[in-house]
Amino acid sequence: MIFAIGEVLIDFIARDEGALKDVKSFEKHPGGAPANVLVGLSRLGVESALISKVGRDPFGAFLLERLEEEGVNTSYVALDGERHTGVVFVQLIGAKPEFILYDGVAYFNLKAEDVKPFSAELLHFGSVLFAREPSRSTLFEILEREKITKSYDVNIRLDLWRGREDDMLADIERALKLADIIKIGDGELEFLKENGIDIEGFDFKLLAVTRGGEGSELIHGGIEVKVPAYRVEPVDTTGAGDAYMAALLASLHHMDKIKNLELSEGELYRIGRFANLIAALSTMKRGAWSVPKLEEVVLMREVRELYQRSRR
């Protein structure tokens, strides 16, 4: 089973394009990058579980119900009587999202005692919990304690670190040292380089750089492959990076490569093609939980071999 630790929240997505101040109505969607990845994994045939915290409120109940409907194990999600469930307002301009995250919410209140013992094939995490205490200390404690494969989506949210950018960079650098599999957007990669962090200097086993319409690049050992993107007409790109991450991890799981991460150039390219395909298809629906189910895409050439491997 693949676990993720991090935020689960409500995405309020604007119904109309334009400035957020002018939006009159919003659609409620479940979201939060780690939760998005787990839902994608479940839809792609991989058992998954979330470590997080939601408020004892209607939004928390909604998220737990939706996760359970998607087959994600929620028994590791704590309930918070002090803080409300996290919410984000999403502004769509040309199908590209801009976010306003709200502070002082339940997932930032994740404490070490909230986390029950778990056994995982892989632990996935992002950067959001680093922005506040006690979630920051809790996350680092778990990452440094658990001797399992870890994947990290750098996923920088600068608005959470105003005036504390040096702290953010230090935490990202610390997290990169703990990760085996890293995903990062090309803009984030450039930002880190400009601030003195060369991601290729870390001891990762697999690095995936997403480049939007240009596809993605995967680096493993001395192998580097560039994989072209699929051309689609996007409706909403919210969660596309999480869909890519889910497909990448699902590929490794179905190929039985997570614990022994040794890949040929051909295998690396096929993983990239599958991840690009799932990410592209996810943009054709609104909301972050838009990964297609494996059986819906199994006849596509990029999926066939993965699907056959998963049934062996």
C-alpha atoms as a PDB file:
ATOM      1  CA  MET A   1       0.000   0.000   0.000  1.00  0.00           C
ATOM      2  CA  ILE A   2       1.160   3.529  -0.812  1.00  0.00           C
ATOM      3  CA  PHE A   3       0.685   6.168   1.897  1.00  0.00           C
ATOM      4  CA  ALA A   4       0.755   9.952   1.598  1.00  0.00           C
ATOM      5  CA  ILE A   5       1.041  12.502   4.385  1.00  0.00           C
ATOM      6  CA  GLY A   6      -0.198  16.042   3.918  1.00  0.00           C
ATOM      7  CA  GLU A   7      -3.123  18.320   3.245  1.00  0.00           C
ATOM      8  CA  VAL A   8      -6.655  17.366   2.275  1.00  0.00           C
ATOM      9  CA  LEU A   9      -8.990  20.307   1.724  1.00  0.00           C
ATOM     10  CA  ILE A  10     -11.889  21.862  -0.141  1.00  0.00           C
ATOM     11  CA  ASP A  11     -11.151  23.530  -3.477  1.00  0.00           C
ATOM     12  CA  PHE A  12     -13.692  26.255  -4.166  1.00  0.00           C
ATOM     13  CA  ILE A  13     -13.250  26.680  -7.917  1.00  0.00           C
ATOM     14  CA  ALA A  14     -14.595  29.809  -9.576  1.00  0.00           C
ATOM     15  CA  ARG A  15     -17.407  29.116 -12.023  1.00  0.00           C
ATOM     16  CA  ASP A  16     -16.335  32.016 -14.249  1.00  0.00           C
ATOM     17  CA  GLU A  17     -12.949  33.126 -15.454  1.00  0.00           C
ATOM     18  CA  GLY A  18     -11.511  36.446 -14.370  1.00  0.00           C
ATOM     19  CA  ALA A  19     -10.291  38.219 -11.279  1.00  0.00           C
ATOM     20  CA  LEU A  20     -11.195  36.523  -8.016  1.00  0.00           C
ATOM     21  CA  LYS A  21     -12.700  39.726  -6.643  1.00  0.00           C
ATOM     22  CA  ASP A  22     -15.276  39.642  -9.457  1.00  0.00           C
ATOM     23  CA  VAL A  23     -16.292  35.980  -9.126  1.00  0.00           C
ATOM     24  CA  LYS A  24     -19.888  35.524  -7.920  1.00  0.00           C
ATOM     25  CA  SER A  25     -20.092  31.755  -7.465  1.00  0.00           C
ATOM     26  CA  PHE A  26     -17.851  28.755  -6.835  1.00  0.00           C
ATOM     27  CA  GLU A  27     -18.025  24.968  -7.189  1.00  0.00           C
ATOM     28  CA  LYS A  28     -17.006  22.812  -4.228  1.00  0.00           C
ATOM     29  CA  HIS A  29     -14.456  20.107  -5.048  1.00  0.00           C
ATOM     30  CA  PRO A  30     -12.260  17.883  -2.843  1.00  0.00           C
ATOM     31  CA  GLY A  31      -8.542  18.563  -3.152  1.00  0.00           C
ATOM     32  CA  GLY A  32      -5.136  18.817  -1.537  1.00  0.00           C
ATOM     33  CA  ALA A  33      -2.080  17.558  -3.436  1.00  0.00           C
ATOM     34  CA  PRO A  34      -1.304  14.405  -1.371  1.00  0.00           C
ATOM     35  CA  ALA A  35      -4.993  13.413  -1.348  1.00  0.00           C
ATOM     36  CA  ASN A  36      -5.181  14.036  -5.102  1.00  0.00           C
ATOM     37  CA  VAL A  37      -2.273  11.660  -5.656  1.00  0.00           C
ATOM     38  CA  LEU A  38      -3.883   8.932  -3.547  1.00  0.00           C
ATOM     39  CA  VAL A  39      -7.220   9.188  -5.364  1.00  0.00           C
ATOM     40  CA  GLY A  40      -5.331   8.928  -8.651  1.00  0.00           C
ATOM     41  CA  LEU A  41      -3.471   5.859  -7.381  1.00  0.00           C
ATOM     42  CA  SER A  42      -6.711   4.207  -6.266  1.00  0.00           C
ATOM     43  CA  ARG A  43      -8.273   4.809  -9.680  1.00  0.00           C
ATOM     44  CA  LEU A  44      -5.177   3.286 -11.286  1.00  0.00           C
ATOM     45  CA  GLY A  45      -5.457   0.094  -9.261  1.00  0.00           C
ATOM     46  CA  VAL A  46      -3.137   0.795  -6.307  1.00  0.00           C
ATOM     47  CA  GLU A  47      -4.220   0.573  -2.654  1.00  0.00           C
ATOM     48  CA  SER A  48      -3.628   3.896  -0.886  1.00  0.00           C
ATOM     49  CA  ALA A  49      -4.000   5.547   2.528  1.00  0.00           C
ATOM     50  CA  LEU A  50      -3.867   9.153   3.774  1.00  0.00           C
ATOM     51  CA  ILE A  51      -2.227  10.551   6.903  1.00  0.00           C
ATOM     52  CA  SER A  52      -3.766  13.969   7.554  1.00  0.00           C
ATOM     53  CA  LYS A  53      -6.126  15.954   9.755  1.00  0.00           C
ATOM     54  CA  VAL A  54      -9.550  17.499   9.140  1.00  0.00           C
ATOM     55  CA  GLY A  55     -11.867  19.502  11.329  1.00  0.00           C
ATOM     56  CA  ARG A  56     -14.896  18.089  13.133  1.00  0.00           C
ATOM     57  CA  ASP A  57     -17.096  19.987  10.716  1.00  0.00           C
ATOM     58  CA  PRO A  58     -19.244  19.378   7.616  1.00  0.00           C
ATOM     59  CA  PHE A  59     -16.333  19.908   5.221  1.00  0.00           C
ATOM     60  CA  GLY A  60     -14.231  17.337   7.083  1.00  0.00           C
ATOM     61  CA  ALA A  61     -17.085  14.836   6.931  1.00  0.00           C
ATOM     62  CA  PHE A  62     -17.506  15.546   3.202  1.00  0.00           C
ATOM     63  CA  LEU A  63     -13.822  14.897   2.496  1.00  0.00           C
ATOM     64  CA  LEU A  64     -13.745  11.650   4.472  1.00  0.00           C
ATOM     65  CA  GLU A  65     -16.842  10.397   2.668  1.00  0.00           C
ATOM     66  CA  ARG A  66     -15.427  11.256  -0.749  1.00  0.00           C
ATOM     67  CA  LEU A  67     -12.047   9.661   0.002  1.00  0.00           C
ATOM     68  CA  GLU A  68     -13.748   6.476   1.166  1.00  0.00           C
ATOM     69  CA  GLU A  69     -15.911   6.430  -1.975  1.00  0.00           C
ATOM     70  CA  GLU A  70     -12.686   6.572  -3.990  1.00  0.00           C
ATOM     71  CA  GLY A  71     -11.215   3.616  -2.095  1.00  0.00           C
ATOM     72  CA  VAL A  72      -8.639   5.616  -0.119  1.00  0.00           C
ATOM     73  CA  ASN A  73      -8.057   4.350   3.438  1.00  0.00           C
ATOM     74  CA  THR A  74      -9.016   7.187   5.826  1.00  0.00           C
ATOM     75  CA  SER A  75      -8.354   5.405   9.127  1.00  0.00           C
ATOM     76  CA  TYR A  76      -5.129   7.438   9.507  1.00  0.00           C
ATOM     77  CA  VAL A  77      -6.893  10.811   9.163  1.00  0.00           C
ATOM     78  CA  ALA A  78      -7.236  12.530  12.564  1.00  0.00           C
ATOM     79  CA  LEU A  79     -10.174  14.714  13.572  1.00  0.00           C
ATOM     80  CA  ASP A  80      -9.471  18.180  14.979  1.00  0.00           C
ATOM     81  CA  GLY A  81     -11.776  19.842  17.477  1.00  0.00           C
ATOM     82  CA  GLU A  82      -9.647  23.018  17.559  1.00  0.00           C
ATOM     83  CA  ARG A  83      -9.362  24.017  13.900  1.00  0.00           C
ATOM     84  CA  HIS A  84     -11.564  23.835  10.833  1.00  0.00           C
ATOM     85  CA  THR A  85     -10.954  21.814   7.679  1.00  0.00           C
ATOM     86  CA  GLY A  86      -8.706  23.529   5.136  1.00  0.00           C
ATOM     87  CA  VAL A  87     -10.175  25.475   2.221  1.00  0.00           C
ATOM     88  CA  VAL A  88      -8.665  26.986  -0.918  1.00  0.00           C
ATOM     89  CA  PHE A  89     -10.208  29.393  -3.405  1.00  0.00           C
ATOM     90  CA  VAL A  90      -9.138  28.683  -6.971  1.00  0.00           C
ATOM     91  CA  GLN A  91      -9.190  31.280  -9.723  1.00  0.00           C
ATOM     92  CA  LEU A  92      -9.185  29.858 -13.266  1.00  0.00           C
ATOM     93  CA  ILE A  93      -7.720  31.992 -16.035  1.00  0.00           C
ATOM     94  CA  GLY A  94      -7.412  30.166 -19.345  1.00  0.00           C
ATOM     95  CA  ALA A  95      -7.878  26.837 -17.474  1.00  0.00           C
ATOM     96  CA  LYS A  96      -4.781  27.591 -15.381  1.00  0.00           C
ATOM     97  CA  PRO A  97      -5.402  27.835 -11.636  1.00  0.00           C
ATOM     98  CA  GLU A  98      -4.226  30.430  -9.144  1.00  0.00           C
ATOM     99  CA  PHE A  99      -4.715  29.674  -5.467  1.00  0.00           C
ATOM    100  CA  ILE A 100      -5.512  31.454  -2.228  1.00  0.00           C
ATOM    101  CA  LEU A 101      -4.782  29.060   0.650  1.00  0.00           C
ATOM    102  CA  TYR A 102      -6.208  29.771   4.079  1.00  0.00           C
ATOM    103  CA  ASP A 103      -4.111  29.507   7.232  1.00  0.00           C
ATOM    104  CA  GLY A 104      -4.791  28.159  10.726  1.00  0.00           C
ATOM    105  CA  VAL A 105      -6.502  24.996   9.462  1.00  0.00           C
ATOM    106  CA  ALA A 106      -6.586  21.398  10.685  1.00  0.00           C
ATOM    107  CA  TYR A 107      -3.812  19.895   8.545  1.00  0.00           C
ATOM    108  CA  PHE A 108      -1.316  22.444   9.897  1.00  0.00           C
ATOM    109  CA  ASN A 109      -2.256  21.175  13.365  1.00  0.00           C
ATOM    110  CA  LEU A 110      -1.098  17.599  12.643  1.00  0.00           C
ATOM    111  CA  LYS A 111       0.816  16.417  15.715  1.00  0.00           C
ATOM    112  CA  ALA A 112       3.087  13.421  16.194  1.00  0.00           C
ATOM    113  CA  GLU A 113       0.536  11.760  18.474  1.00  0.00           C
ATOM    114  CA  ASP A 114      -2.072  12.031  15.686  1.00  0.00           C
ATOM    115  CA  VAL A 115      -0.075   9.653  13.474  1.00  0.00           C
ATOM    116  CA  LYS A 116      -0.793   5.987  14.081  1.00  0.00           C
ATOM    117  CA  PRO A 117       1.870   3.336  13.278  1.00  0.00           C
ATOM    118  CA  PHE A 118       1.715   2.312   9.637  1.00  0.00           C
ATOM    119  CA  SER A 119       3.420  -0.030   7.184  1.00  0.00           C
ATOM    120  CA  ALA A 120       3.846   1.252   3.630  1.00  0.00           C
ATOM    121  CA  GLU A 121       5.418   0.311   0.335  1.00  0.00           C
ATOM    122  CA  LEU A 122       6.126   4.012  -0.229  1.00  0.00           C
ATOM    123  CA  LEU A 123       5.436   7.291   1.580  1.00  0.00           C
ATOM    124  CA  HIS A 124       4.593  10.331  -0.545  1.00  0.00           C
ATOM    125  CA  PHE A 125       4.740  13.944   0.697  1.00  0.00           C
ATOM    126  CA  GLY A 126       4.847  17.574  -0.430  1.00  0.00           C
ATOM    127  CA  SER A 127       6.007  20.917   0.971  1.00  0.00           C
ATOM    128  CA  VAL A 128       2.815  22.500   2.328  1.00  0.00           C
ATOM    129  CA  LEU A 129       3.011  21.007   5.844  1.00  0.00           C
ATOM    130  CA  PHE A 130       6.488  22.507   6.251  1.00  0.00           C
ATOM    131  CA  ALA A 131       4.988  26.007   6.252  1.00  0.00           C
ATOM    132  CA  ARG A 132       3.594  25.828   9.813  1.00  0.00           C
ATOM    133  CA  GLU A 133       4.043  24.130  13.166  1.00  0.00           C
ATOM    134  CA  PRO A 134       3.310  21.566  14.520  1.00  0.00           C
ATOM    135  CA  SER A 135       2.823  19.926  11.088  1.00  0.00           C
ATOM    136  CA  ARG A 136       6.394  20.775  10.056  1.00  0.00           C
ATOM    137  CA  SER A 137       8.014  18.976  12.991  1.00  0.00           C
ATOM    138  CA  THR A 138       5.597  16.056  12.667  1.00  0.00           C
ATOM    139  CA  LEU A 139       6.381  15.554   8.991  1.00  0.00           C
ATOM    140  CA  PHE A 140      10.153  15.720   9.415  1.00  0.00           C
ATOM    141  CA  GLU A 141       9.985  13.328  12.374  1.00  0.00           C
ATOM    142  CA  ILE A 142       8.149  10.757  10.249  1.00  0.00           C
ATOM    143  CA  LEU A 143      10.373  11.232   7.205  1.00  0.00           C
ATOM    144  CA  GLU A 144      13.528  10.759   9.242  1.00  0.00           C
ATOM    145  CA  ARG A 145      12.117   7.821  11.200  1.00  0.00           C
ATOM    146  CA  GLU A 146      10.571   5.685   8.454  1.00  0.00           C
ATOM    147  CA  LYS A 147      13.121   3.634   6.504  1.00  0.00           C
ATOM    148  CA  ILE A 148      11.005   3.164   3.395  1.00  0.00           C
ATOM    149  CA  THR A 149      11.003   4.562  -0.147  1.00  0.00           C
ATOM    150  CA  LYS A 150       9.823   8.186  -0.183  1.00  0.00           C
ATOM    151  CA  SER A 151       8.543  10.365  -3.005  1.00  0.00           C
ATOM    152  CA  TYR A 152       8.499  14.158  -2.812  1.00  0.00           C
ATOM    153  CA  ASP A 153       6.558  16.672  -4.893  1.00  0.00           C
ATOM    154  CA  VAL A 154       8.352  19.959  -4.193  1.00  0.00           C
ATOM    155  CA  ASN A 155       5.140  21.908  -4.935  1.00  0.00           C
ATOM    156  CA  ILE A 156       6.221  25.391  -3.795  1.00  0.00           C
ATOM    157  CA  ARG A 157       3.490  27.699  -2.412  1.00  0.00           C
ATOM    158  CA  LEU A 158       5.256  31.030  -1.900  1.00  0.00           C
ATOM    159  CA  ASP A 159       2.216  32.751  -0.371  1.00  0.00           C
ATOM    160  CA  LEU A 160       2.559  30.489   2.679  1.00  0.00           C
ATOM    161  CA  TRP A 161       6.139  31.678   3.267  1.00  0.00           C
ATOM    162  CA  ARG A 162       5.951  35.459   2.988  1.00  0.00           C
ATOM    163  CA  GLY A 163       8.976  36.911   4.748  1.00  0.00           C
ATOM    164  CA  ARG A 164      10.309  33.410   5.502  1.00  0.00           C
ATOM    165  CA  GLU A 165      11.646  32.372   2.119  1.00  0.00           C
ATOM    166  CA  ASP A 166      15.036  31.368   3.583  1.00  0.00           C
ATOM    167  CA  ASP A 167      13.258  28.997   5.975  1.00  0.00           C
ATOM    168  CA  MET A 168      11.346  27.527   3.036  1.00  0.00           C
ATOM    169  CA  LEU A 169      14.515  26.917   1.046  1.00  0.00           C
ATOM    170  CA  ALA A 170      16.202  25.288   4.039  1.00  0.00           C
ATOM    171  CA  ASP A 171      13.240  22.951   4.561  1.00  0.00           C
ATOM    172  CA  ILE A 172      13.090  22.031   0.870  1.00  0.00           C
ATOM    173  CA  GLU A 173      16.809  21.259   0.875  1.00  0.00           C
ATOM    174  CA  ARG A 174      16.392  19.101   3.984  1.00  0.00           C
ATOM    175  CA  ALA A 175      13.452  17.265   2.387  1.00  0.00           C
ATOM    176  CA  LEU A 176      15.352  16.652  -0.856  1.00  0.00           C
ATOM    177  CA  LYS A 177      18.000  14.791   1.140  1.00  0.00           C
ATOM    178  CA  LEU A 178      15.317  12.443   2.475  1.00  0.00           C
ATOM    179  CA  ALA A 179      13.571  11.648  -0.830  1.00  0.00           C
ATOM    180  CA  ASP A 180      14.215   8.822  -3.277  1.00  0.00           C
ATOM    181  CA  ILE A 181      11.777   9.980  -5.979  1.00  0.00           C
ATOM    182  CA  ILE A 182      11.378  13.687  -6.725  1.00  0.00           C
ATOM    183  CA  LYS A 183       8.863  15.513  -8.921  1.00  0.00           C
ATOM    184  CA  ILE A 184       9.241  19.198  -9.668  1.00  0.00           C
ATOM    185  CA  GLY A 185       7.879  21.670 -12.191  1.00  0.00           C
ATOM    186  CA  ASP A 186      10.315  23.427 -14.510  1.00  0.00           C
ATOM    187  CA  GLY A 187       9.437  26.825 -12.993  1.00  0.00           C
ATOM    188  CA  GLU A 188      10.110  25.506  -9.496  1.00  0.00           C
ATOM    189  CA  LEU A 189      13.364  23.977 -10.689  1.00  0.00           C
ATOM    190  CA  GLU A 190      14.492  27.338 -12.032  1.00  0.00           C
ATOM    191  CA  PHE A 191      13.427  29.082  -8.803  1.00  0.00           C
ATOM    192  CA  LEU A 192      15.540  26.711  -6.711  1.00  0.00           C
ATOM    193  CA  LYS A 193      18.560  27.159  -9.001  1.00  0.00           C
ATOM    194  CA  GLU A 194      18.236  30.928  -8.735  1.00  0.00           C
ATOM    195  CA  ASN A 195      18.303  30.515  -4.960  1.00  0.00           C
ATOM    196  CA  GLY A 196      21.358  28.284  -4.816  1.00  0.00           C
ATOM    197  CA  ILE A 197      19.781  24.804  -4.791  1.00  0.00           C
ATOM    198  CA  ASP A 198      20.828  22.474  -7.622  1.00  0.00           C
ATOM    199  CA  ILE A 199      18.394  19.582  -7.413  1.00  0.00           C
ATOM    200  CA  GLU A 200      20.610  17.307  -9.482  1.00  0.00           C
ATOM    201  CA  GLY A 201      23.201  17.463  -6.719  1.00  0.00           C
ATOM    202  CA  PHE A 202      21.044  15.303  -4.432  1.00  0.00           C
ATOM    203  CA  ASP A 203      21.168  11.522  -4.146  1.00  0.00           C
ATOM    204  CA  PHE A 204      17.780  10.762  -5.729  1.00  0.00           C
ATOM    205  CA  LYS A 205      16.878   7.516  -7.506  1.00  0.00           C
ATOM    206  CA  LEU A 206      14.394   9.089  -9.911  1.00  0.00           C
ATOM    207  CA  LEU A 207      13.796  12.733 -10.848  1.00  0.00           C
ATOM    208  CA  ALA A 208      10.773  13.827 -12.882  1.00  0.00           C
ATOM    209  CA  VAL A 209      10.645  17.390 -14.214  1.00  0.00           C
ATOM    210  CA  THR A 210       7.259  18.422 -15.616  1.00  0.00           C
ATOM    211  CA  ARG A 211       7.265  21.038 -18.362  1.00  0.00           C
ATOM    212  CA  GLY A 212       3.578  21.658 -19.079  1.00  0.00           C
ATOM    213  CA  GLY A 213       2.859  21.631 -22.801  1.00  0.00           C
ATOM    214  CA  GLU A 214       6.393  20.452 -23.527  1.00  0.00           C
ATOM    215  CA  GLY A 215       5.944  17.167 -21.657  1.00  0.00           C
ATOM    216  CA  SER A 216       8.321  15.889 -19.012  1.00  0.00           C
ATOM    217  CA  GLU A 217      11.882  14.793 -18.421  1.00  0.00           C
ATOM    218  CA  LEU A 218      12.919  11.784 -16.330  1.00  0.00           C
ATOM    219  CA  ILE A 219      16.401  11.188 -14.926  1.00  0.00           C
ATOM    220  CA  HIS A 220      17.497   7.885 -13.378  1.00  0.00           C
ATOM    221  CA  GLY A 221      21.156   7.099 -12.766  1.00  0.00           C
ATOM    222  CA  GLY A 222      22.953   7.982 -15.979  1.00  0.00           C
ATOM    223  CA  ILE A 223      19.763   7.742 -18.053  1.00  0.00           C
ATOM    224  CA  GLU A 224      17.827  10.833 -19.113  1.00  0.00           C
ATOM    225  CA  VAL A 225      14.722  10.760 -21.296  1.00  0.00           C
ATOM    226  CA  LYS A 226      12.519  13.542 -22.615  1.00  0.00           C
ATOM    227  CA  VAL A 227       8.885  12.581 -23.151  1.00  0.00           C
ATOM    228  CA  PRO A 228       6.558  14.718 -25.316  1.00  0.00           C
ATOM    229  CA  ALA A 229       3.207  15.902 -24.024  1.00  0.00           C
ATOM    230  CA  TYR A 230      -0.198  14.842 -25.297  1.00  0.00           C
ATOM    231  CA  ARG A 231      -2.187  17.565 -27.030  1.00  0.00           C
ATOM    232  CA  VAL A 232      -5.618  18.138 -25.495  1.00  0.00           C
ATOM    233  CA  GLU A 233      -7.994  21.061 -25.010  1.00  0.00           C
ATOM    234  CA  PRO A 234      -7.780  21.625 -21.231  1.00  0.00           C
ATOM    235  CA  VAL A 235     -10.810  22.587 -19.175  1.00  0.00           C
ATOM    236  CA  ASP A 236      -9.109  22.789 -15.776  1.00  0.00           C
ATOM    237  CA  THR A 237      -5.440  22.061 -15.051  1.00  0.00           C
ATOM    238  CA  THR A 238      -5.980  21.940 -11.273  1.00  0.00           C
ATOM    239  CA  GLY A 239      -4.277  18.795 -10.004  1.00  0.00           C
ATOM    240  CA  ALA A 240      -2.600  17.867 -13.309  1.00  0.00           C
ATOM    241  CA  GLY A 241       0.770  17.593 -11.573  1.00  0.00           C
ATOM    242  CA  ASP A 242      -0.792  15.328  -8.950  1.00  0.00           C
ATOM    243  CA  ALA A 243      -2.281  13.161 -11.704  1.00  0.00           C
ATOM    244  CA  TYR A 244       1.204  12.893 -13.216  1.00  0.00           C
ATOM    245  CA  MET A 245       2.622  11.896  -9.823  1.00  0.00           C
ATOM    246  CA  ALA A 246      -0.078   9.280  -9.303  1.00  0.00           C
ATOM    247  CA  ALA A 247       0.569   7.739 -12.712  1.00  0.00           C
ATOM    248  CA  LEU A 248       4.325   7.685 -12.154  1.00  0.00           C
ATOM    249  CA  LEU A 249       3.961   5.925  -8.792  1.00  0.00           C
ATOM    250  CA  ALA A 250       1.315   3.548 -10.177  1.00  0.00           C
ATOM    251  CA  SER A 251       3.711   2.587 -12.970  1.00  0.00           C
ATOM    252  CA  LEU A 252       6.486   1.797 -10.507  1.00  0.00           C
ATOM    253  CA  HIS A 253       4.078  -0.188  -8.328  1.00  0.00           C
ATOM    254  CA  HIS A 254       2.672  -2.284 -11.164  1.00  0.00           C
ATOM    255  CA  MET A 255       6.196  -2.911 -12.490  1.00  0.00           C
ATOM    256  CA  ASP A 256       7.289  -3.951  -8.973  1.00  0.00           C
ATOM    257  CA  LYS A 257      10.047  -1.333  -9.078  1.00  0.00           C
ATOM    258  CA  ILE A 258       9.447   0.729  -5.918  1.00  0.00           C
ATOM    259  CA  LYS A 259      11.730  -1.185  -3.554  1.00  0.00           C
ATOM    260  CA  ASN A 260      14.296  -2.063  -6.208  1.00  0.00           C
ATOM    261  CA  LEU A 261      14.279   1.043  -8.374  1.00  0.00           C
ATOM    262  CA  GLU A 262      16.318  -0.104 -11.381  1.00  0.00           C
ATOM    263  CA  LEU A 263      14.954   1.010 -14.741  1.00  0.00           C
ATOM    264  CA  SER A 264      16.059   0.652 -18.346  1.00  0.00           C
ATOM    265  CA  GLU A 265      15.801   3.551 -20.777  1.00  0.00           C
ATOM    266  CA  GLY A 266      12.763   1.914 -22.389  1.00  0.00           C
ATOM    267  CA  GLU A 267      11.028   1.440 -19.043  1.00  0.00           C
ATOM    268  CA  LEU A 268      11.755   5.026 -18.071  1.00  0.00           C
ATOM    269  CA  TYR A 269      10.264   6.287 -21.326  1.00  0.00           C
ATOM    270  CA  ARG A 270       7.115   4.163 -20.933  1.00  0.00           C
ATOM    271  CA  ILE A 271       6.618   5.489 -17.406  1.00  0.00           C
ATOM    272  CA  GLY A 272       6.901   9.041 -18.720  1.00  0.00           C
ATOM    273  CA  ARG A 273       4.436   8.395 -21.546  1.00  0.00           C
ATOM    274  CA  PHE A 274       1.889   6.907 -19.153  1.00  0.00           C
ATOM    275  CA  ALA A 275       2.285   9.781 -16.682  1.00  0.00           C
ATOM    276  CA  ASN A 276       1.976  12.391 -19.447  1.00  0.00           C
ATOM    277  CA  LEU A 277      -1.144  10.672 -20.791  1.00  0.00           C
ATOM    278  CA  ILE A 278      -2.912  10.525 -17.419  1.00  0.00           C
ATOM    279  CA  ALA A 279      -1.973  14.136 -16.634  1.00  0.00           C
ATOM    280  CA  ALA A 280      -3.334  15.302 -20.011  1.00  0.00           C
ATOM    281  CA  LEU A 281      -6.606  13.379 -19.625  1.00  0.00           C
ATOM    282  CA  SER A 282      -7.047  14.806 -16.121  1.00  0.00           C
ATOM    283  CA  THR A 283      -7.211  18.360 -17.492  1.00  0.00           C
ATOM    284  CA  MET A 284     -10.341  17.591 -19.492  1.00  0.00           C
ATOM    285  CA  LYS A 285     -12.560  17.632 -16.373  1.00  0.00           C
ATOM    286  CA  ARG A 286     -13.062  20.208 -13.639  1.00  0.00           C
ATOM    287  CA  GLY A 287     -11.594  19.597 -10.200  1.00  0.00           C
ATOM    288  CA  ALA A 288      -8.437  17.922  -8.957  1.00  0.00           C
ATOM    289  CA  TRP A 289      -9.912  14.395  -8.729  1.00  0.00           C
ATOM    290  CA  SER A 290     -10.062  13.857 -12.467  1.00  0.00           C
ATOM    291  CA  VAL A 291      -7.725  10.910 -13.087  1.00  0.00           C
ATOM    292  CA  PRO A 292      -9.485   8.322 -15.287  1.00  0.00           C
ATOM    293  CA  LYS A 293      -9.886   4.789 -13.978  1.00  0.00           C
ATOM    294  CA  LEU A 294      -7.447   2.231 -15.327  1.00  0.00           C
ATOM    295  CA  GLU A 295     -10.159   0.196 -17.027  1.00  0.00           C
ATOM    296  CA  GLU A 296     -11.329   3.319 -18.891  1.00  0.00           C
ATOM    297  CA  VAL A 297      -7.989   3.775 -20.629  1.00  0.00           C
ATOM    298  CA  VAL A 298      -6.697   0.202 -20.783  1.00  0.00           C
ATOM    299  CA  LEU A 299      -7.089  -0.072 -24.557  1.00  0.00           C
ATOM    300  CA  MET A 300      -4.699   2.842 -25.115  1.00  0.00           C
ATOM    301  CA  ARG A 301      -1.274   1.662 -26.229  1.00  0.00           C
ATOM    302  CA  GLU A 302       0.574   3.467 -23.417  1.00  0.00           C
ATOM    303  CA  VAL A 303      -1.574   1.757 -20.796  1.00  0.00           C
ATOM    304  CA  ARG A 304      -1.784  -1.786 -22.146  1.00  0.00           C
ATOM    305  CA  GLU A 305       1.535  -3.104 -20.892  1.00  0.00           C
ATOM    306  CA  LEU A 306       1.060  -1.560 -17.435  1.00  0.00           C
ATOM    307  CA  TYR A 307      -2.432  -3.046 -17.175  1.00  0.00           C
ATOM    308  CA  GLN A 308      -1.168  -6.498 -18.192  1.00  0.00           C
ATOM    309  CA  ARG A 309       1.628  -6.309 -15.629  1.00  0.00           C
ATOM    310  CA  SER A 310      -0.865  -5.444 -12.890  1.00  0.00           C
ATOM    311  CA  ARG A 311      -2.911  -8.587 -13.628  1.00  0.00           C
ATOM    312  CA  ARG A 312       0.018 -11.034 -13.498  1.00  0.00           C
END
